[in-house]
Amino acid sequence: MTTASRAINFTKGMPFSDGYVANNTLYVAGQQGPSSDGNTLDINITEQTTNAINAVRKVLDEAGFRMSDIASVTVFFTDLNDVSLINTVYNASIPDPKPARTAVQVAGLIGGAKIEISAIAVR
């Protein structure tokens, strides 16, 4: 049996792929939500969450998957007090039925981000 696989790379020169397709499964690497100039320090958690979900959507689109194909999501965030704001954006952006989700508060994220989202999608 042949395995169809390919990498999705928007972030050139980094030691990872933004996504990786293996057969009918897409693994989306952690996506952050910086502003259009790449800065995370000047935007709030609502904007960062929206941008991170849009970055996940971009990887899905490039790989030929849909938001409804997401089976599992992992959300890393730096402030437990932001969970209700994160959930408001998440609930509006992720279609029902909601995928399995793990949410983890972390001490910090690269670049000062407040949130990072990874996903697994299955066709």
C-alpha atoms as a PDB file:
ATOM      1  CA  MET A   1       0.000   0.000   0.000  1.00  0.00           C
ATOM      2  CA  THR A   2       1.390   3.414  -0.984  1.00  0.00           C
ATOM      3  CA  THR A   3       1.407   6.237   1.541  1.00  0.00           C
ATOM      4  CA  ALA A   4       0.517   9.615   0.074  1.00  0.00           C
ATOM      5  CA  SER A   5       2.261  12.278   2.121  1.00  0.00           C
ATOM      6  CA  ARG A   6       3.345  15.867   1.738  1.00  0.00           C
ATOM      7  CA  ALA A   7       4.382  18.816   3.824  1.00  0.00           C
ATOM      8  CA  ILE A   8       2.577  22.160   3.936  1.00  0.00           C
ATOM      9  CA  ASN A   9       5.098  24.968   4.484  1.00  0.00           C
ATOM     10  CA  PHE A  10       4.277  28.651   4.854  1.00  0.00           C
ATOM     11  CA  THR A  11       7.076  29.319   7.327  1.00  0.00           C
ATOM     12  CA  LYS A  12      10.229  28.966   5.244  1.00  0.00           C
ATOM     13  CA  GLY A  13      13.545  28.262   6.890  1.00  0.00           C
ATOM     14  CA  MET A  14      12.067  26.773  10.051  1.00  0.00           C
ATOM     15  CA  PRO A  15      12.796  23.258  11.322  1.00  0.00           C
ATOM     16  CA  PHE A  16       9.160  22.168  10.981  1.00  0.00           C
ATOM     17  CA  SER A  17       6.225  22.089   8.582  1.00  0.00           C
ATOM     18  CA  ASP A  18       3.006  24.018   9.215  1.00  0.00           C
ATOM     19  CA  GLY A  19       1.126  20.873   8.309  1.00  0.00           C
ATOM     20  CA  TYR A  20       1.800  17.334   7.217  1.00  0.00           C
ATOM     21  CA  VAL A  21      -0.583  15.163   5.222  1.00  0.00           C
ATOM     22  CA  ALA A  22      -0.282  11.398   5.640  1.00  0.00           C
ATOM     23  CA  ASN A  23      -2.922   9.517   3.655  1.00  0.00           C
ATOM     24  CA  ASN A  24      -6.278  10.955   4.792  1.00  0.00           C
ATOM     25  CA  THR A  25      -4.936  12.679   7.897  1.00  0.00           C
ATOM     26  CA  LEU A  26      -3.563  16.203   8.249  1.00  0.00           C
ATOM     27  CA  TYR A  27      -1.432  17.144  11.234  1.00  0.00           C
ATOM     28  CA  VAL A  28      -1.432  20.914  11.754  1.00  0.00           C
ATOM     29  CA  ALA A  29       1.525  22.241  13.741  1.00  0.00           C
ATOM     30  CA  GLY A  30       0.928  24.800  16.453  1.00  0.00           C
ATOM     31  CA  GLN A  31      -0.322  28.007  14.859  1.00  0.00           C
ATOM     32  CA  GLN A  32      -0.084  31.346  16.623  1.00  0.00           C
ATOM     33  CA  GLY A  33      -2.058  34.486  15.935  1.00  0.00           C
ATOM     34  CA  PRO A  34       0.239  37.439  15.376  1.00  0.00           C
ATOM     35  CA  SER A  35      -0.911  40.627  13.708  1.00  0.00           C
ATOM     36  CA  SER A  36      -0.215  41.166  10.010  1.00  0.00           C
ATOM     37  CA  ASP A  37       3.233  42.584  10.872  1.00  0.00           C
ATOM     38  CA  GLY A  38       4.119  39.450  12.865  1.00  0.00           C
ATOM     39  CA  ASN A  39       3.788  41.057  16.300  1.00  0.00           C
ATOM     40  CA  THR A  40       1.881  39.290  19.089  1.00  0.00           C
ATOM     41  CA  LEU A  41       2.613  41.771  21.849  1.00  0.00           C
ATOM     42  CA  ASP A  42       0.270  44.501  20.652  1.00  0.00           C
ATOM     43  CA  ILE A  43      -2.903  42.467  20.116  1.00  0.00           C
ATOM     44  CA  ASN A  44      -5.303  40.978  22.641  1.00  0.00           C
ATOM     45  CA  ILE A  45      -6.257  37.351  23.200  1.00  0.00           C
ATOM     46  CA  THR A  46      -9.447  37.627  21.135  1.00  0.00           C
ATOM     47  CA  GLU A  47      -7.507  38.820  18.075  1.00  0.00           C
ATOM     48  CA  GLN A  48      -4.737  36.286  18.631  1.00  0.00           C
ATOM     49  CA  THR A  49      -7.280  33.459  18.921  1.00  0.00           C
ATOM     50  CA  THR A  50      -9.061  34.571  15.749  1.00  0.00           C
ATOM     51  CA  ASN A  51      -5.740  34.822  13.888  1.00  0.00           C
ATOM     52  CA  ALA A  52      -4.524  31.433  15.185  1.00  0.00           C
ATOM     53  CA  ILE A  53      -7.750  29.733  14.048  1.00  0.00           C
ATOM     54  CA  ASN A  54      -7.428  31.457  10.668  1.00  0.00           C
ATOM     55  CA  ALA A  55      -3.846  30.153  10.429  1.00  0.00           C
ATOM     56  CA  VAL A  56      -5.129  26.615  11.112  1.00  0.00           C
ATOM     57  CA  ARG A  57      -7.789  27.181   8.426  1.00  0.00           C
ATOM     58  CA  LYS A  58      -5.093  28.296   5.958  1.00  0.00           C
ATOM     59  CA  VAL A  59      -3.172  25.040   6.464  1.00  0.00           C
ATOM     60  CA  LEU A  60      -6.397  23.042   6.098  1.00  0.00           C
ATOM     61  CA  ASP A  61      -7.291  24.873   2.884  1.00  0.00           C
ATOM     62  CA  GLU A  62      -3.837  24.373   1.386  1.00  0.00           C
ATOM     63  CA  ALA A  63      -4.051  20.647   2.125  1.00  0.00           C
ATOM     64  CA  GLY A  64      -7.580  20.313   0.724  1.00  0.00           C
ATOM     65  CA  PHE A  65      -9.292  19.798   4.086  1.00  0.00           C
ATOM     66  CA  ARG A  66     -12.234  21.621   5.703  1.00  0.00           C
ATOM     67  CA  MET A  67     -12.796  22.917   9.219  1.00  0.00           C
ATOM     68  CA  SER A  68     -15.406  20.181   9.638  1.00  0.00           C
ATOM     69  CA  ASP A  69     -12.650  17.583   9.079  1.00  0.00           C
ATOM     70  CA  ILE A  70     -10.930  18.535  12.347  1.00  0.00           C
ATOM     71  CA  ALA A  71     -11.045  15.580  14.755  1.00  0.00           C
ATOM     72  CA  SER A  72      -8.797  16.904  17.529  1.00  0.00           C
ATOM     73  CA  VAL A  73      -7.508  20.286  18.684  1.00  0.00           C
ATOM     74  CA  THR A  74      -4.888  21.234  21.245  1.00  0.00           C
ATOM     75  CA  VAL A  75      -4.959  24.784  22.604  1.00  0.00           C
ATOM     76  CA  PHE A  76      -1.976  26.170  24.498  1.00  0.00           C
ATOM     77  CA  PHE A  77      -2.512  29.498  26.281  1.00  0.00           C
ATOM     78  CA  THR A  78      -0.554  31.545  28.800  1.00  0.00           C
ATOM     79  CA  ASP A  79      -3.303  32.991  31.007  1.00  0.00           C
ATOM     80  CA  LEU A  80      -6.069  30.905  32.565  1.00  0.00           C
ATOM     81  CA  ASN A  81      -8.153  34.082  32.853  1.00  0.00           C
ATOM     82  CA  ASP A  82      -8.392  34.181  29.032  1.00  0.00           C
ATOM     83  CA  VAL A  83     -10.268  30.874  28.692  1.00  0.00           C
ATOM     84  CA  SER A  84     -13.746  32.424  28.374  1.00  0.00           C
ATOM     85  CA  LEU A  85     -12.548  34.814  25.633  1.00  0.00           C
ATOM     86  CA  ILE A  86     -10.769  31.960  23.851  1.00  0.00           C
ATOM     87  CA  ASN A  87     -13.925  29.818  24.067  1.00  0.00           C
ATOM     88  CA  THR A  88     -16.103  32.603  22.629  1.00  0.00           C
ATOM     89  CA  VAL A  89     -13.950  32.822  19.496  1.00  0.00           C
ATOM     90  CA  TYR A  90     -13.437  29.040  19.328  1.00  0.00           C
ATOM     91  CA  ASN A  91     -17.170  28.285  19.563  1.00  0.00           C
ATOM     92  CA  ALA A  92     -17.950  30.787  16.797  1.00  0.00           C
ATOM     93  CA  SER A  93     -15.182  29.474  14.515  1.00  0.00           C
ATOM     94  CA  ILE A  94     -15.156  25.694  14.916  1.00  0.00           C
ATOM     95  CA  PRO A  95     -18.184  23.916  13.432  1.00  0.00           C
ATOM     96  CA  ASP A  96     -20.389  21.466  15.316  1.00  0.00           C
ATOM     97  CA  PRO A  97     -19.970  18.784  16.300  1.00  0.00           C
ATOM     98  CA  LYS A  98     -16.932  20.155  18.098  1.00  0.00           C
ATOM     99  CA  PRO A  99     -13.767  18.047  17.803  1.00  0.00           C
ATOM    100  CA  ALA A 100     -12.038  16.528  20.811  1.00  0.00           C
ATOM    101  CA  ARG A 101     -10.010  19.235  22.539  1.00  0.00           C
ATOM    102  CA  THR A 102      -7.182  19.505  24.998  1.00  0.00           C
ATOM    103  CA  ALA A 103      -6.493  22.893  26.587  1.00  0.00           C
ATOM    104  CA  VAL A 104      -3.245  23.533  28.435  1.00  0.00           C
ATOM    105  CA  GLN A 105      -2.024  26.580  30.310  1.00  0.00           C
ATOM    106  CA  VAL A 106       1.708  27.062  29.680  1.00  0.00           C
ATOM    107  CA  ALA A 107       4.355  29.318  31.191  1.00  0.00           C
ATOM    108  CA  GLY A 108       5.144  30.953  27.860  1.00  0.00           C
ATOM    109  CA  LEU A 109       5.024  30.682  24.079  1.00  0.00           C
ATOM    110  CA  ILE A 110       7.559  31.695  21.445  1.00  0.00           C
ATOM    111  CA  GLY A 111       7.444  35.355  20.466  1.00  0.00           C
ATOM    112  CA  GLY A 112       5.344  36.343  23.456  1.00  0.00           C
ATOM    113  CA  ALA A 113       2.205  34.804  21.960  1.00  0.00           C
ATOM    114  CA  LYS A 114      -0.765  34.278  24.250  1.00  0.00           C
ATOM    115  CA  ILE A 115      -2.153  31.289  22.355  1.00  0.00           C
ATOM    116  CA  GLU A 116      -1.085  28.494  20.006  1.00  0.00           C
ATOM    117  CA  ILE A 117      -3.438  25.976  18.392  1.00  0.00           C
ATOM    118  CA  SER A 118      -2.627  22.642  16.758  1.00  0.00           C
ATOM    119  CA  ALA A 119      -5.074  20.257  15.120  1.00  0.00           C
ATOM    120  CA  ILE A 120      -5.519  16.866  13.513  1.00  0.00           C
ATOM    121  CA  ALA A 121      -7.975  16.587  10.637  1.00  0.00           C
ATOM    122  CA  VAL A 122      -9.238  13.410   8.979  1.00  0.00           C
ATOM    123  CA  ARG A 123     -10.981  13.134   5.608  1.00  0.00           C
END
